[in-house]
Amino acid sequence: MQALGHTVRLMPPAYVKPYVKRQKNDTTDAEAICEAVTRPNMRFVPTKTIKQQSCLMLHRARHLFIRQQTAVINSIHAYIAEFGIVAPVGRRGVEQTAGSRR
């Protein structure tokens, strides 16, 4: 939108939320945004550069991989516990237990 000559101003959702009067839908959200933008003390956040967006994307992807890894490790703990094998906590505990049982 900036390339087309528009001025982009972003408002955090937490600053708009007090202006929502009814249930959440597109109409009431738009009404709350219009109300909030007219306030003289409204604070805006700067837009992010492409570099900042790509850095945040990498952080989110890494966070997702870590969450998935933790879920798999917890599943393995539960599966081997069904056989009466108790592994130490964490990834290394599972690795050590799986390596020693071969």
C-alpha atoms as a PDB file:
ATOM      1  CA  MET A   1       0.000   0.000   0.000  1.00  0.00           C
ATOM      2  CA  GLN A   2       2.916   2.331   0.660  1.00  0.00           C
ATOM      3  CA  ALA A   3       4.122   1.782  -2.905  1.00  0.00           C
ATOM      4  CA  LEU A   4       0.760   3.117  -4.081  1.00  0.00           C
ATOM      5  CA  GLY A   5       1.242   6.313  -2.075  1.00  0.00           C
ATOM      6  CA  HIS A   6      -0.829   5.459   0.993  1.00  0.00           C
ATOM      7  CA  THR A   7       0.324   6.191   4.535  1.00  0.00           C
ATOM      8  CA  VAL A   8       0.257   2.979   6.545  1.00  0.00           C
ATOM      9  CA  ARG A   9      -0.308   3.210  10.288  1.00  0.00           C
ATOM     10  CA  LEU A  10      -0.624   0.082  12.415  1.00  0.00           C
ATOM     11  CA  MET A  11      -2.453  -0.120  15.719  1.00  0.00           C
ATOM     12  CA  PRO A  12      -1.900  -2.939  18.187  1.00  0.00           C
ATOM     13  CA  PRO A  13      -5.116  -4.929  18.754  1.00  0.00           C
ATOM     14  CA  ALA A  14      -4.877  -4.262  22.493  1.00  0.00           C
ATOM     15  CA  TYR A  15      -5.342  -0.538  21.815  1.00  0.00           C
ATOM     16  CA  VAL A  16      -8.454  -1.139  19.695  1.00  0.00           C
ATOM     17  CA  LYS A  17     -10.117  -3.705  21.977  1.00  0.00           C
ATOM     18  CA  PRO A  18     -11.596  -1.130  24.422  1.00  0.00           C
ATOM     19  CA  TYR A  19     -13.607   0.341  21.528  1.00  0.00           C
ATOM     20  CA  VAL A  20     -15.345  -2.955  20.599  1.00  0.00           C
ATOM     21  CA  LYS A  21     -18.924  -2.608  21.830  1.00  0.00           C
ATOM     22  CA  ARG A  22     -20.501  -5.947  20.928  1.00  0.00           C
ATOM     23  CA  GLN A  23     -19.544  -9.450  19.871  1.00  0.00           C
ATOM     24  CA  LYS A  24     -16.516  -9.906  17.647  1.00  0.00           C
ATOM     25  CA  ASN A  25     -17.196  -9.767  13.920  1.00  0.00           C
ATOM     26  CA  ASP A  26     -15.830  -7.798  10.976  1.00  0.00           C
ATOM     27  CA  THR A  27     -18.378  -5.012  11.261  1.00  0.00           C
ATOM     28  CA  THR A  28     -17.808  -4.312  14.942  1.00  0.00           C
ATOM     29  CA  ASP A  29     -14.035  -4.638  14.470  1.00  0.00           C
ATOM     30  CA  ALA A  30     -14.109  -2.044  11.678  1.00  0.00           C
ATOM     31  CA  GLU A  31     -16.266   0.240  13.806  1.00  0.00           C
ATOM     32  CA  ALA A  32     -13.846  -0.069  16.732  1.00  0.00           C
ATOM     33  CA  ILE A  33     -10.868   0.683  14.469  1.00  0.00           C
ATOM     34  CA  CYS A  34     -12.602   3.799  13.118  1.00  0.00           C
ATOM     35  CA  GLU A  35     -13.355   4.940  16.650  1.00  0.00           C
ATOM     36  CA  ALA A  36      -9.831   4.249  17.892  1.00  0.00           C
ATOM     37  CA  VAL A  37      -8.067   5.981  15.002  1.00  0.00           C
ATOM     38  CA  THR A  38      -9.927   9.242  15.717  1.00  0.00           C
ATOM     39  CA  ARG A  39      -8.543   9.425  19.264  1.00  0.00           C
ATOM     40  CA  PRO A  40      -5.796  12.056  19.564  1.00  0.00           C
ATOM     41  CA  ASN A  41      -3.694   9.990  21.975  1.00  0.00           C
ATOM     42  CA  MET A  42      -3.718   6.792  19.873  1.00  0.00           C
ATOM     43  CA  ARG A  43      -0.262   5.285  19.526  1.00  0.00           C
ATOM     44  CA  PHE A  44       0.785   3.520  16.357  1.00  0.00           C
ATOM     45  CA  VAL A  45       3.511   0.955  15.764  1.00  0.00           C
ATOM     46  CA  PRO A  46       5.990   1.299  12.903  1.00  0.00           C
ATOM     47  CA  THR A  47       5.755  -1.068   9.954  1.00  0.00           C
ATOM     48  CA  LYS A  48       8.408  -3.769   9.763  1.00  0.00           C
ATOM     49  CA  THR A  49      11.003  -3.992   7.037  1.00  0.00           C
ATOM     50  CA  ILE A  50      11.360  -7.093   4.878  1.00  0.00           C
ATOM     51  CA  LYS A  51      14.489  -8.015   6.850  1.00  0.00           C
ATOM     52  CA  GLN A  52      12.628  -7.729  10.179  1.00  0.00           C
ATOM     53  CA  GLN A  53       9.722  -9.800   8.849  1.00  0.00           C
ATOM     54  CA  SER A  54      12.034 -12.550   7.585  1.00  0.00           C
ATOM     55  CA  CYS A  55      13.889 -12.644  10.921  1.00  0.00           C
ATOM     56  CA  LEU A  56      10.593 -12.997  12.804  1.00  0.00           C
ATOM     57  CA  MET A  57       9.509 -15.736  10.388  1.00  0.00           C
ATOM     58  CA  LEU A  58      12.689 -17.697  11.149  1.00  0.00           C
ATOM     59  CA  HIS A  59      12.104 -17.326  14.897  1.00  0.00           C
ATOM     60  CA  ARG A  60       8.508 -18.558  14.545  1.00  0.00           C
ATOM     61  CA  ALA A  61       9.589 -21.530  12.428  1.00  0.00           C
ATOM     62  CA  ARG A  62      12.290 -22.445  14.960  1.00  0.00           C
ATOM     63  CA  HIS A  63       9.784 -22.153  17.810  1.00  0.00           C
ATOM     64  CA  LEU A  64       7.393 -24.459  15.909  1.00  0.00           C
ATOM     65  CA  PHE A  65      10.136 -27.060  15.372  1.00  0.00           C
ATOM     66  CA  ILE A  66      11.053 -26.999  19.055  1.00  0.00           C
ATOM     67  CA  ARG A  67       7.395 -27.455  20.073  1.00  0.00           C
ATOM     68  CA  GLN A  68       7.026 -30.369  17.662  1.00  0.00           C
ATOM     69  CA  GLN A  69      10.253 -31.940  18.919  1.00  0.00           C
ATOM     70  CA  THR A  70       9.040 -31.661  22.509  1.00  0.00           C
ATOM     71  CA  ALA A  71       5.713 -33.268  21.564  1.00  0.00           C
ATOM     72  CA  VAL A  72       7.477 -36.198  19.873  1.00  0.00           C
ATOM     73  CA  ILE A  73       9.823 -36.692  22.843  1.00  0.00           C
ATOM     74  CA  ASN A  74       6.872 -36.688  25.246  1.00  0.00           C
ATOM     75  CA  SER A  75       5.080 -39.230  23.052  1.00  0.00           C
ATOM     76  CA  ILE A  76       8.136 -41.487  23.025  1.00  0.00           C
ATOM     77  CA  HIS A  77       8.336 -41.219  26.821  1.00  0.00           C
ATOM     78  CA  ALA A  78       4.705 -42.315  27.060  1.00  0.00           C
ATOM     79  CA  TYR A  79       5.130 -45.165  24.562  1.00  0.00           C
ATOM     80  CA  ILE A  80       8.159 -46.677  26.243  1.00  0.00           C
ATOM     81  CA  ALA A  81       6.564 -46.209  29.665  1.00  0.00           C
ATOM     82  CA  GLU A  82       3.818 -48.609  28.523  1.00  0.00           C
ATOM     83  CA  PHE A  83       6.554 -51.272  28.363  1.00  0.00           C
ATOM     84  CA  GLY A  84       7.747 -50.381  31.850  1.00  0.00           C
ATOM     85  CA  ILE A  85      10.839 -48.497  30.670  1.00  0.00           C
ATOM     86  CA  VAL A  86      11.352 -45.179  32.426  1.00  0.00           C
ATOM     87  CA  ALA A  87      13.657 -42.819  30.557  1.00  0.00           C
ATOM     88  CA  PRO A  88      15.338 -39.783  32.101  1.00  0.00           C
ATOM     89  CA  VAL A  89      13.738 -36.444  31.322  1.00  0.00           C
ATOM     90  CA  GLY A  90      14.519 -34.717  28.033  1.00  0.00           C
ATOM     91  CA  ARG A  91      15.785 -35.586  24.598  1.00  0.00           C
ATOM     92  CA  ARG A  92      19.063 -37.014  25.867  1.00  0.00           C
ATOM     93  CA  GLY A  93      17.216 -39.276  28.259  1.00  0.00           C
ATOM     94  CA  VAL A  94      15.231 -40.766  25.385  1.00  0.00           C
ATOM     95  CA  GLU A  95      18.366 -41.039  23.235  1.00  0.00           C
ATOM     96  CA  GLN A  96      20.264 -42.804  26.011  1.00  0.00           C
ATOM     97  CA  THR A  97      17.388 -45.172  26.742  1.00  0.00           C
ATOM     98  CA  ALA A  98      16.830 -45.991  23.045  1.00  0.00           C
ATOM     99  CA  GLY A  99      20.571 -46.477  22.487  1.00  0.00           C
ATOM    100  CA  SER A 100      21.001 -48.793  25.469  1.00  0.00           C
ATOM    101  CA  ARG A 101      18.056 -51.049  24.483  1.00  0.00           C
ATOM    102  CA  ARG A 102      19.303 -52.026  21.022  1.00  0.00           C
END
